[in-house]
Amino acid sequence: MLPLHVLDWLSAYRELWSSLIFVLVGQYLHAGVLGEMVIQAEQASVT
């Protein structure tokens, strides 16, 4: 889904990488700011 160079770059940033993994598995509450953004986007899409 993402090019290898992007995955390499993301993996260099542990907090960002773990947030992305949490979002991908649907654990938004553990994904920090990225999870909050996804939750807000979902709420906005149903209103």
PDB file of N, CA and C in Angstrom:
ATOM      1  N   MET A   1       0.819  -1.184   0.000  1.00  0.00           N
ATOM      2  CA  MET A   1       0.000   0.000   0.000  1.00  0.00           C
ATOM      3  C   MET A   1       0.868   1.255   0.000  1.00  0.00           C
ATOM      4  N   LEU A   2       1.931   1.236   0.790  1.00  0.00           N
ATOM      5  CA  LEU A   2       2.872   2.354   0.805  1.00  0.00           C
ATOM      6  C   LEU A   2       4.186   1.917   0.183  1.00  0.00           C
ATOM      7  N   PRO A   3       4.835   2.801  -0.553  1.00  0.00           N
ATOM      8  CA  PRO A   3       6.136   2.458  -1.132  1.00  0.00           C
ATOM      9  C   PRO A   3       7.162   2.155  -0.032  1.00  0.00           C
ATOM     10  N   LEU A   4       8.130   1.343  -0.357  1.00  0.00           N
ATOM     11  CA  LEU A   4       9.137   0.921   0.603  1.00  0.00           C
ATOM     12  C   LEU A   4       9.880   2.096   1.227  1.00  0.00           C
ATOM     13  N   HIS A   5      10.193   3.122   0.444  1.00  0.00           N
ATOM     14  CA  HIS A   5      10.924   4.264   0.996  1.00  0.00           C
ATOM     15  C   HIS A   5      10.088   5.015   2.031  1.00  0.00           C
ATOM     16  N   VAL A   6       8.773   5.025   1.854  1.00  0.00           N
ATOM     17  CA  VAL A   6       7.898   5.672   2.836  1.00  0.00           C
ATOM     18  C   VAL A   6       7.860   4.847   4.120  1.00  0.00           C
ATOM     19  N   LEU A   7       7.772   3.533   3.990  1.00  0.00           N
ATOM     20  CA  LEU A   7       7.796   2.664   5.167  1.00  0.00           C
ATOM     21  C   LEU A   7       9.116   2.789   5.922  1.00  0.00           C
ATOM     22  N   ASP A   8      10.206   2.887   5.202  1.00  0.00           N
ATOM     23  CA  ASP A   8      11.515   3.088   5.833  1.00  0.00           C
ATOM     24  C   ASP A   8      11.540   4.397   6.610  1.00  0.00           C
ATOM     25  N   TRP A   9      11.022   5.452   6.004  1.00  0.00           N
ATOM     26  CA  TRP A   9      10.994   6.757   6.667  1.00  0.00           C
ATOM     27  C   TRP A   9      10.119   6.697   7.911  1.00  0.00           C
ATOM     28  N   LEU A  10       8.923   6.115   7.794  1.00  0.00           N
ATOM     29  CA  LEU A  10       8.013   6.015   8.935  1.00  0.00           C
ATOM     30  C   LEU A  10       8.619   5.210  10.077  1.00  0.00           C
ATOM     31  N   SER A  11       9.310   4.140   9.753  1.00  0.00           N
ATOM     32  CA  SER A  11       9.871   3.286  10.799  1.00  0.00           C
ATOM     33  C   SER A  11      10.985   3.978  11.577  1.00  0.00           C
ATOM     34  N   ALA A  12      11.524   5.042  11.033  1.00  0.00           N
ATOM     35  CA  ALA A  12      12.556   5.807  11.745  1.00  0.00           C
ATOM     36  C   ALA A  12      11.959   6.665  12.857  1.00  0.00           C
ATOM     37  N   TYR A  13      10.637   6.845  12.831  1.00  0.00           N
ATOM     38  CA  TYR A  13       9.942   7.641  13.835  1.00  0.00           C
ATOM     39  C   TYR A  13       9.022   6.713  14.622  1.00  0.00           C
ATOM     40  N   ARG A  14       9.544   6.198  15.724  1.00  0.00           N
ATOM     41  CA  ARG A  14       8.861   5.153  16.485  1.00  0.00           C
ATOM     42  C   ARG A  14       7.431   5.532  16.886  1.00  0.00           C
ATOM     43  N   GLU A  15       7.213   6.738  17.388  1.00  0.00           N
ATOM     44  CA  GLU A  15       5.879   7.139  17.831  1.00  0.00           C
ATOM     45  C   GLU A  15       4.903   7.215  16.654  1.00  0.00           C
ATOM     46  N   LEU A  16       5.340   7.775  15.558  1.00  0.00           N
ATOM     47  CA  LEU A  16       4.489   7.859  14.369  1.00  0.00           C
ATOM     48  C   LEU A  16       4.175   6.469  13.824  1.00  0.00           C
ATOM     49  N   TRP A  17       5.196   5.619  13.773  1.00  0.00           N
ATOM     50  CA  TRP A  17       5.025   4.252  13.271  1.00  0.00           C
ATOM     51  C   TRP A  17       4.022   3.483  14.130  1.00  0.00           C
ATOM     52  N   SER A  18       4.161   3.557  15.448  1.00  0.00           N
ATOM     53  CA  SER A  18       3.251   2.825  16.323  1.00  0.00           C
ATOM     54  C   SER A  18       1.835   3.390  16.230  1.00  0.00           C
ATOM     55  N   SER A  19       1.701   4.708  16.095  1.00  0.00           N
ATOM     56  CA  SER A  19       0.377   5.300  15.921  1.00  0.00           C
ATOM     57  C   SER A  19      -0.282   4.791  14.650  1.00  0.00           C
ATOM     58  N   LEU A  20       0.473   4.714  13.576  1.00  0.00           N
ATOM     59  CA  LEU A  20      -0.059   4.210  12.315  1.00  0.00           C
ATOM     60  C   LEU A  20      -0.515   2.758  12.458  1.00  0.00           C
ATOM     61  N   ILE A  21       0.284   1.943  13.111  1.00  0.00           N
ATOM     62  CA  ILE A  21      -0.080   0.537  13.302  1.00  0.00           C
ATOM     63  C   ILE A  21      -1.363   0.436  14.119  1.00  0.00           C
ATOM     64  N   PHE A  22      -1.471   1.211  15.202  1.00  0.00           N
ATOM     65  CA  PHE A  22      -2.689   1.192  16.008  1.00  0.00           C
ATOM     66  C   PHE A  22      -3.912   1.606  15.189  1.00  0.00           C
ATOM     67  N   VAL A  23      -3.769   2.620  14.349  1.00  0.00           N
ATOM     68  CA  VAL A  23      -4.884   3.058  13.511  1.00  0.00           C
ATOM     69  C   VAL A  23      -5.262   1.958  12.523  1.00  0.00           C
ATOM     70  N   LEU A  24      -4.280   1.316  11.929  1.00  0.00           N
ATOM     71  CA  LEU A  24      -4.554   0.277  10.937  1.00  0.00           C
ATOM     72  C   LEU A  24      -5.295  -0.915  11.529  1.00  0.00           C
ATOM     73  N   VAL A  25      -5.065  -1.199  12.812  1.00  0.00           N
ATOM     74  CA  VAL A  25      -5.760  -2.323  13.447  1.00  0.00           C
ATOM     75  C   VAL A  25      -7.015  -1.876  14.192  1.00  0.00           C
ATOM     76  N   GLY A  26      -7.372  -0.587  14.083  1.00  0.00           N
ATOM     77  CA  GLY A  26      -8.605  -0.092  14.661  1.00  0.00           C
ATOM     78  C   GLY A  26      -8.544   0.259  16.131  1.00  0.00           C
ATOM     79  N   GLN A  27      -7.357   0.378  16.690  1.00  0.00           N
ATOM     80  CA  GLN A  27      -7.180   0.732  18.101  1.00  0.00           C
ATOM     81  C   GLN A  27      -6.897   2.233  18.223  1.00  0.00           C
ATOM     82  N   TYR A  28      -7.904   3.035  17.882  1.00  0.00           N
ATOM     83  CA  TYR A  28      -7.731   4.483  17.818  1.00  0.00           C
ATOM     84  C   TYR A  28      -7.366   5.113  19.154  1.00  0.00           C
ATOM     85  N   LEU A  29      -7.860   4.557  20.233  1.00  0.00           N
ATOM     86  CA  LEU A  29      -7.590   5.139  21.553  1.00  0.00           C
ATOM     87  C   LEU A  29      -6.112   5.016  21.945  1.00  0.00           C
ATOM     88  N   HIS A  30      -5.391   4.111  21.314  1.00  0.00           N
ATOM     89  CA  HIS A  30      -3.968   3.927  21.605  1.00  0.00           C
ATOM     90  C   HIS A  30      -3.075   4.628  20.580  1.00  0.00           C
ATOM     91  N   ALA A  31      -3.689   5.286  19.610  1.00  0.00           N
ATOM     92  CA  ALA A  31      -2.938   5.853  18.489  1.00  0.00           C
ATOM     93  C   ALA A  31      -2.582   7.321  18.662  1.00  0.00           C
ATOM     94  N   GLY A  32      -2.810   7.876  19.836  1.00  0.00           N
ATOM     95  CA  GLY A  32      -2.428   9.265  20.091  1.00  0.00           C
ATOM     96  C   GLY A  32      -3.176  10.246  19.215  1.00  0.00           C
ATOM     97  N   VAL A  33      -2.461  11.266  18.771  1.00  0.00           N
ATOM     98  CA  VAL A  33      -3.060  12.336  17.971  1.00  0.00           C
ATOM     99  C   VAL A  33      -3.624  11.793  16.663  1.00  0.00           C
ATOM    100  N   LEU A  34      -2.943  10.865  16.055  1.00  0.00           N
ATOM    101  CA  LEU A  34      -3.435  10.288  14.806  1.00  0.00           C
ATOM    102  C   LEU A  34      -4.773   9.590  15.029  1.00  0.00           C
ATOM    103  N   GLY A  35      -4.900   8.880  16.127  1.00  0.00           N
ATOM    104  CA  GLY A  35      -6.163   8.234  16.463  1.00  0.00           C
ATOM    105  C   GLY A  35      -7.273   9.238  16.709  1.00  0.00           C
ATOM    106  N   GLU A  36      -6.943  10.325  17.383  1.00  0.00           N
ATOM    107  CA  GLU A  36      -7.933  11.382  17.623  1.00  0.00           C
ATOM    108  C   GLU A  36      -8.421  11.974  16.310  1.00  0.00           C
ATOM    109  N   MET A  37      -7.505  12.153  15.368  1.00  0.00           N
ATOM    110  CA  MET A  37      -7.882  12.690  14.064  1.00  0.00           C
ATOM    111  C   MET A  37      -8.830  11.737  13.333  1.00  0.00           C
ATOM    112  N   VAL A  38      -8.567  10.446  13.415  1.00  0.00           N
ATOM    113  CA  VAL A  38      -9.430   9.468  12.755  1.00  0.00           C
ATOM    114  C   VAL A  38     -10.813   9.468  13.402  1.00  0.00           C
ATOM    115  N   ILE A  39     -10.854   9.519  14.724  1.00  0.00           N
ATOM    116  CA  ILE A  39     -12.136   9.543  15.433  1.00  0.00           C
ATOM    117  C   ILE A  39     -12.932  10.783  15.035  1.00  0.00           C
ATOM    118  N   GLN A  40     -12.281  11.942  14.999  1.00  0.00           N
ATOM    119  CA  GLN A  40     -12.969  13.176  14.614  1.00  0.00           C
ATOM    120  C   GLN A  40     -13.452  13.119  13.164  1.00  0.00           C
ATOM    121  N   ALA A  41     -12.655  12.532  12.290  1.00  0.00           N
ATOM    122  CA  ALA A  41     -13.049  12.410  10.887  1.00  0.00           C
ATOM    123  C   ALA A  41     -14.259  11.495  10.752  1.00  0.00           C
ATOM    124  N   GLU A  42     -14.277  10.401  11.511  1.00  0.00           N
ATOM    125  CA  GLU A  42     -15.428   9.497  11.467  1.00  0.00           C
ATOM    126  C   GLU A  42     -16.684  10.199  11.983  1.00  0.00           C
ATOM    127  N   GLN A  43     -16.544  10.954  13.059  1.00  0.00           N
ATOM    128  CA  GLN A  43     -17.693  11.681  13.614  1.00  0.00           C
ATOM    129  C   GLN A  43     -18.210  12.709  12.623  1.00  0.00           C
ATOM    130  N   ALA A  44     -17.303  13.402  11.964  1.00  0.00           N
ATOM    131  CA  ALA A  44     -17.707  14.413  10.988  1.00  0.00           C
ATOM    132  C   ALA A  44     -18.376  13.776   9.769  1.00  0.00           C
ATOM    133  N   SER A  45     -17.977  12.579   9.416  1.00  0.00           N
ATOM    134  CA  SER A  45     -18.537  11.954   8.213  1.00  0.00           C
ATOM    135  C   SER A  45     -19.966  11.470   8.432  1.00  0.00           C
ATOM    136  N   VAL A  46     -20.362  11.240   9.679  1.00  0.00           N
ATOM    137  CA  VAL A  46     -21.723  10.763   9.917  1.00  0.00           C
ATOM    138  C   VAL A  46     -22.696  11.892  10.234  1.00  0.00           C
ATOM    139  N   THR A  47     -22.164  13.108  10.401  1.00  0.00           N
ATOM    140  CA  THR A  47     -23.063  14.241  10.690  1.00  0.00           C
ATOM    141  C   THR A  47     -23.551  14.896   9.426  1.00  0.00           C
TER     142      THR A  47
END
